[in-house]
Amino acid sequence: MSNQTRASGTDRGPLRAGTVAAALFAVCLAQIGLAMPATLNGTFQEVFNPTNSQLTWISDCSLLPITVLELTCGVLGDLFGRKKLLMGGALMLAVGEAVAASAHGVSVMWIGQIIAGIGCAALFPTTLAMLVAGDRSPAQRAKMIAIWAAILSTGNFIAPLLGGITATYFNWRVAFIVVVVLAVVDAGITYFTAQDSRSPQGRSLDPAGQTTIGLGLCALLWGVIQGAGDGWGNPMVVGAFVLSAVCIAAFILIELRVPNPLLRLDLFKNRNFALAALVTVVGMFAFLGTAYAISIRMGPIQGQSSMRTAFAFLLLSGLTIFLLPLTHRLMATLAPRWVLGLGFVLMGVGDIWAGQLPISDNTLPALIVPMGLVGIGFSFAVSAVTATVVETVPHSLAGMASATTSMLRDFGFTLGPAVIGAIATAKAVSGLTGQLHAANLAAADLGKAQGILSGGGPLAVEHADPTVSGLAVSSLGDAYSLGFTVCGIAALACCLITVLLLRGQAAESAEEPELAVAPA
């Protein structure tokens, strides 16, 4: 290797088998760690007895760090070496899952999920960058990206099986311990066999931008999640929204002025890119909102086993790996925006169908068509979304657009549980309050139920007060049916925007902003 190559840290020869193995193992593991807890919401309700908002935070405590830190972790790998970041991310994931496995209270579970989320934030961009680093040909890069996406999809298939099998037949903590062991193994494979790479030219950290966007998104999600239970006029909730607005405004000002911003806002001057970014956020919100709604419906509300919940998640996210040949054929035949639009319309129809299912129906066959439609639609959408966004900008900006899309996609994922959880909680509280007053309960029973509702929410009433558990189940069923419907409407709106308003690159003005190209 030449001195120049050594200085840059970028390997220009063929990828070592150890590098490929470490990177692919890591991305699969990160996706398993990220997706698995959702199948265990019913178990968490039994073990920790959380309120509605506390249960929502278990999902978002891992999603939020990925959204906030993913772009910064990409820069850290470029500057200091991707091998170090891959090892650090794997070990961070192991620590987080170990903390989660030891949890005897919901707050410790949150801490574990935050730590694991930080590890995943390092692993997702680092693994892809390691696989495409150096002077690879376009065909080689495309092959590596396709393999990376397929292995990530494999993680989506394994996650519900791991959570469902361990929680149903062994102990839910075993699922987290399995991830701990595999993450340590991956760190060892990386240390002994992976080659390093980095691309420091033109890259620098943006600490001010990272701090403001991190605080802004944390405050926003806290306000959304807590507002449904604490009241939208609660001073803490109002303060969170104010803090979020101030921080996001500061982030925008900072990004417009720093030489190497975390997020290039110039891209949003492109009308098509802005529209594509919007449908990315809203469409991914609709998908993960659906996943959150079905996990609460089947677990805490209906009391079905984690293995049965895993069945629904296999329909939602486990089909992607099997549909890849069909997706690639559609992408080769149709413009990406048509594939994206098809995905959104399937998601919308499936969600609205799910919203019509009565809460008394706990049979698995009833889920096959609606969840299958959402899963097939998501498979098409998640594969086409980046291609659709990239199609709206000049080729010189494709890398930057792809990286920005990844962040927006993860932001949409983060919004899903938060917004649907808030909508459903507010609806359930309102509905249950009305049903309690109309039920002609004895004063003591009414006061007891109202006290539980005030302190723990509708789920707590269902599990703590047998006298009114049926009323709680009814109100929660209506609430999460509304959640499915909201997700369906959001997906259909994305379909209309994608098909009717988005145009290809040629529709844009010939004058485009001069931007530096960042790696995807």
Protein backbone atom coordinates (compact mmCIF):
# COMPACT_ATOMS: atom_id res chain seq x y z
CA MET A 1 0.00 0.00 0.00
CA SER A 2 1.41 3.39 -0.91
CA ASN A 3 2.20 6.07 1.65
CA GLN A 4 -0.59 8.21 0.24
CA THR A 5 -3.08 5.39 0.64
CA ARG A 6 -1.86 4.71 4.17
CA ALA A 7 -2.29 8.35 5.07
CA SER A 8 -5.83 8.47 3.85
CA GLY A 9 -6.71 5.14 5.43
CA THR A 10 -8.75 4.15 2.36
CA ASP A 11 -8.14 0.64 1.10
CA ARG A 12 -7.94 0.65 -2.69
CA GLY A 13 -7.58 -3.07 -3.18
CA PRO A 14 -10.28 -5.73 -3.11
CA LEU A 15 -12.43 -5.95 0.00
CA ARG A 16 -11.21 -8.53 2.47
CA ALA A 17 -13.64 -11.30 3.37
CA GLY A 18 -13.25 -10.29 7.03
CA THR A 19 -14.33 -6.74 6.28
CA VAL A 20 -17.42 -7.92 4.40
CA ALA A 21 -18.29 -10.42 7.14
CA ALA A 22 -17.87 -7.89 9.96
CA ALA A 23 -19.88 -5.18 8.20
CA LEU A 24 -22.75 -7.43 7.10
CA PHE A 25 -22.91 -9.18 10.47
CA ALA A 26 -23.03 -5.78 12.18
CA VAL A 27 -25.83 -4.27 10.09
CA CYS A 28 -27.97 -7.38 10.50
CA LEU A 29 -27.36 -7.32 14.25
CA ALA A 30 -28.12 -3.60 14.52
CA GLN A 31 -31.46 -4.11 12.76
CA ILE A 32 -32.29 -7.04 15.04
CA GLY A 33 -31.51 -4.96 18.12
CA LEU A 34 -33.59 -2.07 16.81
CA ALA A 35 -36.66 -4.06 15.70
CA MET A 36 -36.87 -6.81 18.32
CA PRO A 37 -38.26 -4.85 21.34
CA ALA A 38 -41.48 -3.95 19.48
CA THR A 39 -42.54 -7.62 19.53
CA LEU A 40 -42.20 -7.62 23.32
CA ASN A 41 -44.52 -4.73 24.20
CA GLY A 42 -47.08 -7.14 25.68
CA THR A 43 -44.39 -8.71 27.84
CA PHE A 44 -43.11 -5.31 28.93
CA GLN A 45 -46.66 -4.36 29.97
CA GLU A 46 -46.86 -7.43 32.20
CA VAL A 47 -43.36 -7.11 33.65
CA PHE A 48 -43.01 -3.34 34.14
CA ASN A 49 -46.67 -2.21 34.24
CA PRO A 50 -45.81 1.02 32.39
CA THR A 51 -48.16 3.85 31.47
CA ASN A 52 -48.98 4.39 27.80
CA SER A 53 -46.30 7.05 27.39
CA GLN A 54 -43.67 4.96 29.21
CA LEU A 55 -44.33 2.08 26.83
CA THR A 56 -43.95 4.40 23.83
CA TRP A 57 -40.58 5.58 25.12
CA ILE A 58 -39.19 2.03 25.02
CA SER A 59 -39.49 2.17 21.22
CA ASP A 60 -38.35 5.76 20.76
CA CYS A 61 -35.38 5.59 23.15
CA SER A 62 -33.53 3.52 20.54
CA LEU A 63 -34.90 5.28 17.46
CA LEU A 64 -34.09 8.84 18.55
CA PRO A 65 -30.28 8.42 18.85
CA ILE A 66 -30.18 6.91 15.37
CA THR A 67 -32.01 9.88 13.88
CA VAL A 68 -29.92 12.44 15.72
CA LEU A 69 -26.47 10.84 15.48
CA GLU A 70 -26.41 8.92 12.19
CA LEU A 71 -24.93 11.71 10.04
CA THR A 72 -22.40 12.68 12.71
CA CYS A 73 -21.29 9.06 13.05
CA GLY A 74 -20.71 8.98 9.30
CA VAL A 75 -18.41 11.99 9.65
CA LEU A 76 -16.61 10.40 12.63
CA GLY A 77 -15.88 7.31 10.56
CA ASP A 78 -14.57 9.41 7.68
CA LEU A 79 -12.29 11.39 10.01
CA PHE A 80 -10.98 8.79 12.46
CA GLY A 81 -11.42 5.41 10.81
CA ARG A 82 -14.46 3.25 10.20
CA LYS A 83 -12.98 0.13 11.78
CA LYS A 84 -12.77 1.87 15.17
CA LEU A 85 -16.33 3.13 14.84
CA LEU A 86 -17.61 -0.31 13.84
CA MET A 87 -15.96 -1.91 16.87
CA GLY A 88 -17.20 0.87 19.15
CA GLY A 89 -20.74 0.65 17.79
CA ALA A 90 -20.86 -3.13 18.25
CA LEU A 91 -19.61 -2.86 21.84
CA MET A 92 -22.05 -0.02 22.56
CA LEU A 93 -24.88 -2.19 21.24
CA ALA A 94 -23.71 -5.03 23.49
CA VAL A 95 -23.66 -2.78 26.56
CA GLY A 96 -27.09 -1.37 25.81
CA GLU A 97 -28.66 -4.80 25.30
CA ALA A 98 -27.00 -6.05 28.50
CA VAL A 99 -28.52 -3.17 30.45
CA ALA A 100 -31.93 -3.91 28.87
CA ALA A 101 -31.62 -7.60 29.75
CA SER A 102 -30.99 -6.70 33.40
CA ALA A 103 -33.91 -4.25 33.62
CA HIS A 104 -36.42 -4.65 36.44
CA GLY A 105 -38.01 -1.28 35.79
CA VAL A 106 -38.95 0.73 32.75
CA SER A 107 -36.36 3.46 33.40
CA VAL A 108 -33.48 0.96 33.18
CA MET A 109 -34.98 -0.38 29.96
CA TRP A 110 -34.95 3.17 28.58
CA ILE A 111 -31.27 3.57 29.45
CA GLY A 112 -30.43 0.29 27.76
CA GLN A 113 -32.33 1.25 24.62
CA ILE A 114 -30.64 4.67 24.45
CA ILE A 115 -27.19 3.07 24.66
CA ALA A 116 -28.14 0.44 22.08
CA GLY A 117 -29.52 3.17 19.82
CA ILE A 118 -26.22 5.04 19.96
CA GLY A 119 -24.47 1.84 18.92
CA CYS A 120 -26.88 1.36 16.01
CA ALA A 121 -26.35 4.98 14.96
CA ALA A 122 -22.66 4.16 14.54
CA LEU A 123 -23.23 0.83 12.82
CA PHE A 124 -25.70 1.72 10.07
CA PRO A 125 -23.64 4.36 8.18
CA THR A 126 -20.28 2.79 9.03
CA THR A 127 -21.08 -0.65 7.64
CA LEU A 128 -22.26 0.72 4.31
CA ALA A 129 -19.30 3.11 4.03
CA MET A 130 -16.82 0.27 4.70
CA LEU A 131 -18.34 -1.85 1.96
CA VAL A 132 -18.21 0.86 -0.72
CA ALA A 133 -14.96 2.58 0.37
CA GLY A 134 -12.10 3.09 -2.04
CA ASP A 135 -11.98 3.05 -5.81
CA ARG A 136 -14.79 0.58 -6.40
CA SER A 137 -16.42 0.52 -9.79
CA PRO A 138 -20.08 1.57 -10.00
CA ALA A 139 -21.03 -2.08 -10.51
CA GLN A 140 -19.08 -3.15 -7.42
CA ARG A 141 -20.62 -0.38 -5.33
CA ALA A 142 -24.13 -1.25 -6.52
CA LYS A 143 -23.53 -4.91 -5.68
CA MET A 144 -22.31 -4.09 -2.17
CA ILE A 145 -25.24 -1.74 -1.54
CA ALA A 146 -27.71 -4.41 -2.68
CA ILE A 147 -26.11 -7.03 -0.42
CA TRP A 148 -26.09 -4.57 2.51
CA ALA A 149 -29.81 -3.84 2.01
CA ALA A 150 -30.63 -7.55 1.74
CA ILE A 151 -28.80 -8.37 4.98
CA LEU A 152 -30.52 -5.46 6.75
CA SER A 153 -33.84 -6.90 5.58
CA THR A 154 -32.76 -10.28 6.94
CA GLY A 155 -32.41 -8.62 10.34
CA ASN A 156 -36.04 -7.49 10.03
CA PHE A 157 -37.02 -11.13 9.48
CA ILE A 158 -34.96 -12.52 12.36
CA ALA A 159 -35.93 -9.88 14.97
CA PRO A 160 -39.59 -10.87 15.55
CA LEU A 161 -38.67 -14.56 15.56
CA LEU A 162 -36.00 -14.00 18.20
CA GLY A 163 -38.28 -11.90 20.39
CA GLY A 164 -41.32 -14.13 19.93
CA ILE A 165 -39.58 -17.48 20.48
CA THR A 166 -37.58 -16.43 23.53
CA ALA A 167 -40.44 -14.61 25.27
CA THR A 168 -42.96 -17.40 24.59
CA TYR A 169 -40.84 -20.48 25.28
CA PHE A 170 -37.94 -19.25 27.44
CA ASN A 171 -37.55 -15.76 28.94
CA TRP A 172 -37.68 -12.37 27.23
CA ARG A 173 -34.25 -11.46 28.64
CA VAL A 174 -32.67 -14.24 26.57
CA ALA A 175 -33.39 -12.28 23.39
CA PHE A 176 -31.27 -9.36 24.59
CA ILE A 177 -28.52 -11.68 25.85
CA VAL A 178 -28.30 -13.31 22.41
CA VAL A 179 -27.71 -9.90 20.84
CA VAL A 180 -25.08 -9.10 23.48
CA VAL A 181 -23.10 -12.25 22.66
CA LEU A 182 -23.35 -11.73 18.90
CA ALA A 183 -22.33 -8.06 19.18
CA VAL A 184 -19.19 -9.00 21.13
CA VAL A 185 -18.40 -11.64 18.51
CA ASP A 186 -18.79 -9.04 15.75
CA ALA A 187 -16.45 -6.64 17.57
CA GLY A 188 -13.88 -9.46 17.72
CA ILE A 189 -14.28 -10.28 14.01
CA THR A 190 -13.84 -6.59 13.21
CA TYR A 191 -10.71 -6.27 15.34
CA PHE A 192 -8.93 -9.30 13.90
CA THR A 193 -10.06 -9.39 10.26
CA ALA A 194 -11.53 -6.08 9.04
CA GLN A 195 -9.52 -3.50 7.13
CA ASP A 196 -9.80 0.18 8.01
CA SER A 197 -10.90 3.00 5.74
CA ARG A 198 -11.60 6.71 6.07
CA SER A 199 -12.18 9.74 3.86
CA PRO A 200 -11.19 12.85 5.85
CA GLN A 201 -10.91 15.21 2.89
CA GLY A 202 -13.46 18.00 3.19
CA ARG A 203 -15.11 16.47 6.25
CA SER A 204 -15.47 18.11 9.67
CA LEU A 205 -17.70 17.87 12.69
CA ASP A 206 -20.62 20.21 13.30
CA PRO A 207 -20.97 20.24 17.12
CA ALA A 208 -23.28 23.25 17.24
CA GLY A 209 -25.62 21.75 14.66
CA GLN A 210 -25.51 18.34 16.37
CA THR A 211 -26.34 19.85 19.77
CA THR A 212 -29.24 21.99 18.60
CA ILE A 213 -30.90 19.30 16.46
CA GLY A 214 -30.45 16.74 19.23
CA LEU A 215 -32.09 18.97 21.84
CA GLY A 216 -34.78 20.07 19.41
CA LEU A 217 -35.86 16.54 18.44
CA CYS A 218 -35.69 15.25 22.02
CA ALA A 219 -37.89 18.11 23.23
CA LEU A 220 -40.32 17.64 20.34
CA LEU A 221 -40.79 13.93 20.99
CA TRP A 222 -41.06 14.45 24.75
CA GLY A 223 -43.81 16.99 24.20
CA VAL A 224 -45.71 14.77 21.77
CA ILE A 225 -45.48 11.63 23.93
CA GLN A 226 -46.16 13.27 27.30
CA GLY A 227 -48.80 15.70 26.04
CA ALA A 228 -51.41 12.98 25.53
CA GLY A 229 -51.21 11.89 29.16
CA ASP A 230 -50.16 15.03 31.01
CA GLY A 231 -52.34 17.43 29.01
CA TRP A 232 -51.34 19.66 26.11
CA GLY A 233 -51.58 22.72 28.33
CA ASN A 234 -49.20 21.30 30.94
CA PRO A 235 -46.38 23.86 31.48
CA MET A 236 -43.70 21.19 30.99
CA VAL A 237 -45.26 20.05 27.72
CA VAL A 238 -45.64 23.63 26.44
CA GLY A 239 -42.07 24.35 27.50
CA ALA A 240 -40.85 21.30 25.57
CA PHE A 241 -42.50 22.53 22.37
CA VAL A 242 -41.06 26.02 22.85
CA LEU A 243 -37.58 24.60 23.46
CA SER A 244 -37.94 22.42 20.38
CA ALA A 245 -38.93 25.37 18.18
CA VAL A 246 -36.03 27.48 19.46
CA CYS A 247 -33.48 24.71 18.98
CA ILE A 248 -34.68 23.76 15.50
CA ALA A 249 -34.64 27.43 14.45
CA ALA A 250 -31.10 27.71 15.82
CA PHE A 251 -30.13 24.56 13.94
CA ILE A 252 -31.37 26.03 10.66
CA LEU A 253 -29.39 29.25 11.21
CA ILE A 254 -26.26 27.30 12.10
CA GLU A 255 -26.53 24.99 9.08
CA LEU A 256 -26.85 27.98 6.75
CA ARG A 257 -23.61 29.48 8.06
CA VAL A 258 -21.13 26.70 8.88
CA PRO A 259 -18.77 25.59 6.09
CA ASN A 260 -19.48 21.85 6.52
CA PRO A 261 -23.02 21.52 7.85
CA LEU A 262 -24.55 18.38 9.25
CA LEU A 263 -27.51 18.81 6.89
CA ARG A 264 -27.25 20.73 3.61
CA LEU A 265 -30.41 22.83 3.57
CA ASP A 266 -29.62 24.00 0.02
CA LEU A 267 -31.10 20.74 -1.22
CA PHE A 268 -34.56 21.83 -0.09
CA LYS A 269 -34.49 24.70 -2.61
CA ASN A 270 -35.19 21.95 -5.11
CA ARG A 271 -38.99 21.67 -5.08
CA ASN A 272 -39.01 18.01 -6.08
CA PHE A 273 -36.47 17.11 -3.42
CA ALA A 274 -38.51 18.92 -0.77
CA LEU A 275 -41.65 17.01 -1.79
CA ALA A 276 -39.77 13.71 -1.87
CA ALA A 277 -38.33 14.45 1.58
CA LEU A 278 -41.85 15.12 2.87
CA VAL A 279 -43.23 11.81 1.65
CA THR A 280 -40.18 10.03 3.05
CA VAL A 281 -40.87 11.33 6.56
CA VAL A 282 -44.65 10.87 6.41
CA GLY A 283 -44.52 7.49 4.69
CA MET A 284 -42.04 6.01 7.15
CA PHE A 285 -44.09 7.50 10.01
CA ALA A 286 -47.10 5.60 8.63
CA PHE A 287 -45.18 2.32 8.57
CA LEU A 288 -43.70 2.40 12.05
CA GLY A 289 -46.91 3.88 13.44
CA THR A 290 -48.62 0.77 12.06
CA ALA A 291 -46.01 -1.51 13.65
CA TYR A 292 -46.45 0.23 17.00
CA ALA A 293 -50.26 0.06 16.80
CA ILE A 294 -50.32 -3.66 16.03
CA SER A 295 -47.85 -4.41 18.83
CA ILE A 296 -50.04 -2.61 21.39
CA ARG A 297 -53.26 -4.11 20.01
CA MET A 298 -51.99 -7.69 20.13
CA GLY A 299 -49.85 -7.44 23.26
CA PRO A 300 -51.05 -5.15 26.07
CA ILE A 301 -54.69 -4.89 24.90
CA GLN A 302 -55.53 -8.41 23.67
CA GLY A 303 -52.92 -10.20 25.77
CA GLN A 304 -51.66 -12.37 22.93
CA SER A 305 -48.28 -14.05 23.19
CA SER A 306 -45.09 -12.54 21.82
CA MET A 307 -44.93 -15.41 19.33
CA ARG A 308 -48.31 -14.44 17.88
CA THR A 309 -47.23 -10.79 17.79
CA ALA A 310 -44.10 -11.91 15.93
CA PHE A 311 -46.38 -13.34 13.23
CA ALA A 312 -47.77 -9.85 12.53
CA PHE A 313 -44.25 -8.40 12.43
CA LEU A 314 -43.13 -11.04 9.95
CA LEU A 315 -45.95 -9.86 7.68
CA LEU A 316 -44.95 -6.22 8.21
CA SER A 317 -41.18 -6.30 7.86
CA GLY A 318 -40.13 -9.88 7.23
CA LEU A 319 -41.37 -10.00 3.64
CA THR A 320 -38.85 -7.47 2.31
CA ILE A 321 -36.03 -9.95 1.83
CA PHE A 322 -38.28 -12.34 -0.15
CA LEU A 323 -39.73 -9.56 -2.30
CA LEU A 324 -36.34 -8.13 -3.35
CA PRO A 325 -36.34 -9.85 -6.79
CA LEU A 326 -39.82 -8.49 -7.56
CA THR A 327 -38.88 -5.06 -6.23
CA HIS A 328 -35.75 -4.94 -8.39
CA ARG A 329 -37.78 -5.99 -11.43
CA LEU A 330 -40.32 -3.24 -10.79
CA MET A 331 -37.53 -0.69 -10.29
CA ALA A 332 -35.97 -1.75 -13.58
CA THR A 333 -39.30 -1.50 -15.41
CA LEU A 334 -40.90 1.59 -13.86
CA ALA A 335 -39.67 4.97 -12.70
CA PRO A 336 -38.89 4.83 -8.94
CA ARG A 337 -41.71 7.25 -8.08
CA TRP A 338 -44.28 4.82 -9.52
CA VAL A 339 -42.91 1.98 -7.40
CA LEU A 340 -42.95 4.30 -4.38
CA GLY A 341 -46.54 5.34 -5.13
CA LEU A 342 -47.59 1.68 -5.44
CA GLY A 343 -45.98 0.95 -2.09
CA PHE A 344 -47.81 3.79 -0.39
CA VAL A 345 -51.21 2.85 -1.81
CA LEU A 346 -50.82 -0.75 -0.60
CA MET A 347 -49.82 0.52 2.84
CA GLY A 348 -52.82 2.86 2.94
CA VAL A 349 -55.34 0.18 1.97
CA GLY A 350 -53.87 -2.27 4.49
CA ASP A 351 -53.96 0.27 7.32
CA ILE A 352 -57.55 1.35 6.68
CA TRP A 353 -58.54 -2.33 6.53
CA ALA A 354 -56.80 -2.94 9.88
CA GLY A 355 -58.65 0.02 11.35
CA GLN A 356 -61.96 -1.76 10.69
CA LEU A 357 -61.05 -4.93 12.61
CA PRO A 358 -62.99 -5.23 15.89
CA ILE A 359 -60.83 -5.46 19.00
CA SER A 360 -62.65 -8.70 19.91
CA ASP A 361 -61.12 -10.41 16.86
CA ASN A 362 -57.82 -11.88 18.01
CA THR A 363 -57.45 -14.48 15.25
CA LEU A 364 -54.28 -14.53 13.22
CA PRO A 365 -55.98 -15.07 9.82
CA ALA A 366 -57.74 -11.71 10.21
CA LEU A 367 -54.33 -10.00 10.12
CA ILE A 368 -52.92 -11.72 7.04
CA VAL A 369 -54.45 -9.46 4.38
CA PRO A 370 -54.18 -6.02 6.08
CA MET A 371 -50.72 -6.54 7.58
CA GLY A 372 -49.59 -8.33 4.43
CA LEU A 373 -50.62 -5.36 2.29
CA VAL A 374 -48.75 -2.96 4.58
CA GLY A 375 -45.71 -5.24 4.54
CA ILE A 376 -45.65 -5.58 0.75
CA GLY A 377 -46.21 -1.85 0.35
CA PHE A 378 -43.39 -1.07 2.77
CA SER A 379 -41.06 -3.43 0.91
CA PHE A 380 -41.66 -1.49 -2.31
CA ALA A 381 -41.54 1.92 -0.60
CA VAL A 382 -38.38 1.46 1.44
CA SER A 383 -36.50 0.18 -1.61
CA ALA A 384 -37.76 2.96 -3.88
CA VAL A 385 -37.63 5.94 -1.55
CA THR A 386 -33.92 6.72 -1.90
CA ALA A 387 -33.98 6.15 -5.65
CA THR A 388 -36.98 8.47 -5.93
CA VAL A 389 -35.24 11.22 -3.97
CA VAL A 390 -31.98 10.84 -5.89
CA GLU A 391 -33.93 11.04 -9.17
CA THR A 392 -35.06 14.57 -8.24
CA VAL A 393 -31.54 16.05 -8.03
CA PRO A 394 -28.56 16.27 -10.40
CA HIS A 395 -26.25 13.25 -10.33
CA SER A 396 -23.50 15.27 -8.66
CA LEU A 397 -25.71 15.62 -5.58
CA ALA A 398 -26.84 12.00 -5.39
CA GLY A 399 -24.62 11.10 -2.42
CA MET A 400 -25.74 14.08 -0.35
CA ALA A 401 -29.39 13.45 -1.23
CA SER A 402 -29.08 9.78 -0.25
CA ALA A 403 -27.50 10.59 3.13
CA THR A 404 -30.15 13.21 3.85
CA THR A 405 -32.88 10.77 2.92
CA SER A 406 -31.53 8.22 5.40
CA MET A 407 -31.82 10.76 8.20
CA LEU A 408 -35.32 11.79 7.14
CA ARG A 409 -36.40 8.16 6.89
CA ASP A 410 -35.20 7.50 10.43
CA PHE A 411 -36.92 10.67 11.64
CA GLY A 412 -40.18 9.36 10.17
CA PHE A 413 -39.62 6.04 11.94
CA THR A 414 -39.10 7.90 15.23
CA LEU A 415 -42.31 9.88 14.80
CA GLY A 416 -44.40 6.73 14.25
CA PRO A 417 -44.65 5.41 17.83
CA ALA A 418 -44.64 8.92 19.31
CA VAL A 419 -47.49 10.39 17.27
CA ILE A 420 -49.67 7.27 17.05
CA GLY A 421 -49.12 6.60 20.75
CA ALA A 422 -50.17 10.18 21.57
CA ILE A 423 -53.25 10.08 19.31
CA ALA A 424 -54.38 6.71 20.62
CA THR A 425 -53.79 7.64 24.26
CA ALA A 426 -55.78 10.86 23.97
CA LYS A 427 -58.61 9.03 22.19
CA ALA A 428 -58.65 6.18 24.72
CA VAL A 429 -58.65 8.51 27.74
CA SER A 430 -61.54 10.52 26.30
CA GLY A 431 -63.52 7.42 25.32
CA LEU A 432 -62.98 5.60 28.61
CA THR A 433 -63.88 8.68 30.66
CA GLY A 434 -67.20 8.91 28.83
CA GLN A 435 -67.89 5.17 29.18
CA LEU A 436 -67.16 5.25 32.92
CA HIS A 437 -69.68 8.02 33.50
CA ALA A 438 -72.28 6.23 31.37
CA ALA A 439 -71.81 2.82 33.04
CA ASN A 440 -73.75 3.60 36.25
CA LEU A 441 -70.93 2.26 38.42
CA ALA A 442 -70.98 2.42 42.19
CA ALA A 443 -69.28 5.55 43.49
CA ALA A 444 -66.38 3.52 44.93
CA ASP A 445 -65.78 1.62 41.70
CA LEU A 446 -66.00 4.82 39.63
CA GLY A 447 -63.55 6.64 41.89
CA LYS A 448 -61.12 3.71 41.81
CA ALA A 449 -61.22 3.49 38.01
CA GLN A 450 -60.81 7.24 37.61
CA GLY A 451 -57.83 7.21 39.95
CA ILE A 452 -56.10 4.43 37.97
CA LEU A 453 -56.92 6.19 34.70
CA SER A 454 -55.45 9.45 35.95
CA GLY A 455 -52.26 7.84 37.22
CA GLY A 456 -51.55 5.11 34.68
CA GLY A 457 -53.79 5.57 31.65
CA PRO A 458 -56.27 3.21 29.94
CA LEU A 459 -53.84 0.25 29.80
CA ALA A 460 -53.44 0.43 33.56
CA VAL A 461 -57.23 0.39 33.99
CA GLU A 462 -57.51 -2.71 31.82
CA HIS A 463 -54.89 -4.62 33.78
CA ALA A 464 -55.59 -3.31 37.29
CA ASP A 465 -59.38 -3.09 37.61
CA PRO A 466 -61.39 -6.15 36.46
CA THR A 467 -64.64 -4.27 37.11
CA VAL A 468 -64.13 -1.98 34.13
CA SER A 469 -61.53 -3.87 32.08
CA GLY A 470 -64.07 -4.48 29.30
CA LEU A 471 -64.71 -0.75 28.99
CA ALA A 472 -60.96 -0.13 28.85
CA VAL A 473 -60.49 -2.75 26.12
CA SER A 474 -63.30 -1.18 24.09
CA SER A 475 -61.89 2.34 24.35
CA LEU A 476 -58.36 1.15 23.57
CA GLY A 477 -59.62 -0.81 20.57
CA ASP A 478 -61.32 2.29 19.17
CA ALA A 479 -58.19 4.35 19.88
CA TYR A 480 -55.77 2.10 18.04
CA SER A 481 -58.24 1.62 15.19
CA LEU A 482 -57.99 5.39 14.82
CA GLY A 483 -54.21 4.99 14.86
CA PHE A 484 -54.34 2.56 11.93
CA THR A 485 -56.66 4.90 10.05
CA VAL A 486 -54.34 7.89 10.58
CA CYS A 487 -51.43 5.83 9.23
CA GLY A 488 -53.55 4.79 6.23
CA ILE A 489 -54.56 8.35 5.40
CA ALA A 490 -50.92 9.46 5.70
CA ALA A 491 -49.77 6.70 3.32
CA LEU A 492 -52.47 7.52 0.76
CA ALA A 493 -51.57 11.22 0.92
CA CYS A 494 -47.94 10.25 0.20
CA CYS A 495 -49.13 8.22 -2.79
CA LEU A 496 -50.96 11.22 -4.24
CA ILE A 497 -47.99 13.55 -3.73
CA THR A 498 -45.57 11.03 -5.22
CA VAL A 499 -47.63 10.24 -8.32
CA LEU A 500 -49.19 13.65 -9.05
CA LEU A 501 -46.62 16.21 -7.92
CA LEU A 502 -43.18 14.63 -8.15
CA ARG A 503 -41.33 14.86 -11.42
CA GLY A 504 -37.92 13.71 -12.51
CA GLN A 505 -34.72 15.67 -12.57
CA ALA A 506 -35.48 17.13 -15.98
CA ALA A 507 -38.38 19.13 -14.62
CA GLU A 508 -36.06 21.14 -12.43
CA SER A 509 -34.33 24.34 -13.40
CA ALA A 510 -30.98 23.90 -15.04
CA GLU A 511 -29.45 26.02 -12.30
CA GLU A 512 -28.82 23.95 -9.19
CA PRO A 513 -27.03 24.95 -5.97
CA GLU A 514 -23.36 24.14 -5.88
CA LEU A 515 -23.00 21.57 -3.11
CA ALA A 516 -20.23 19.32 -1.98
CA VAL A 517 -21.12 15.67 -2.42
CA ALA A 518 -21.23 13.60 0.75
CA PRO A 519 -21.11 9.81 0.80
CA ALA A 520 -24.42 8.01 1.16
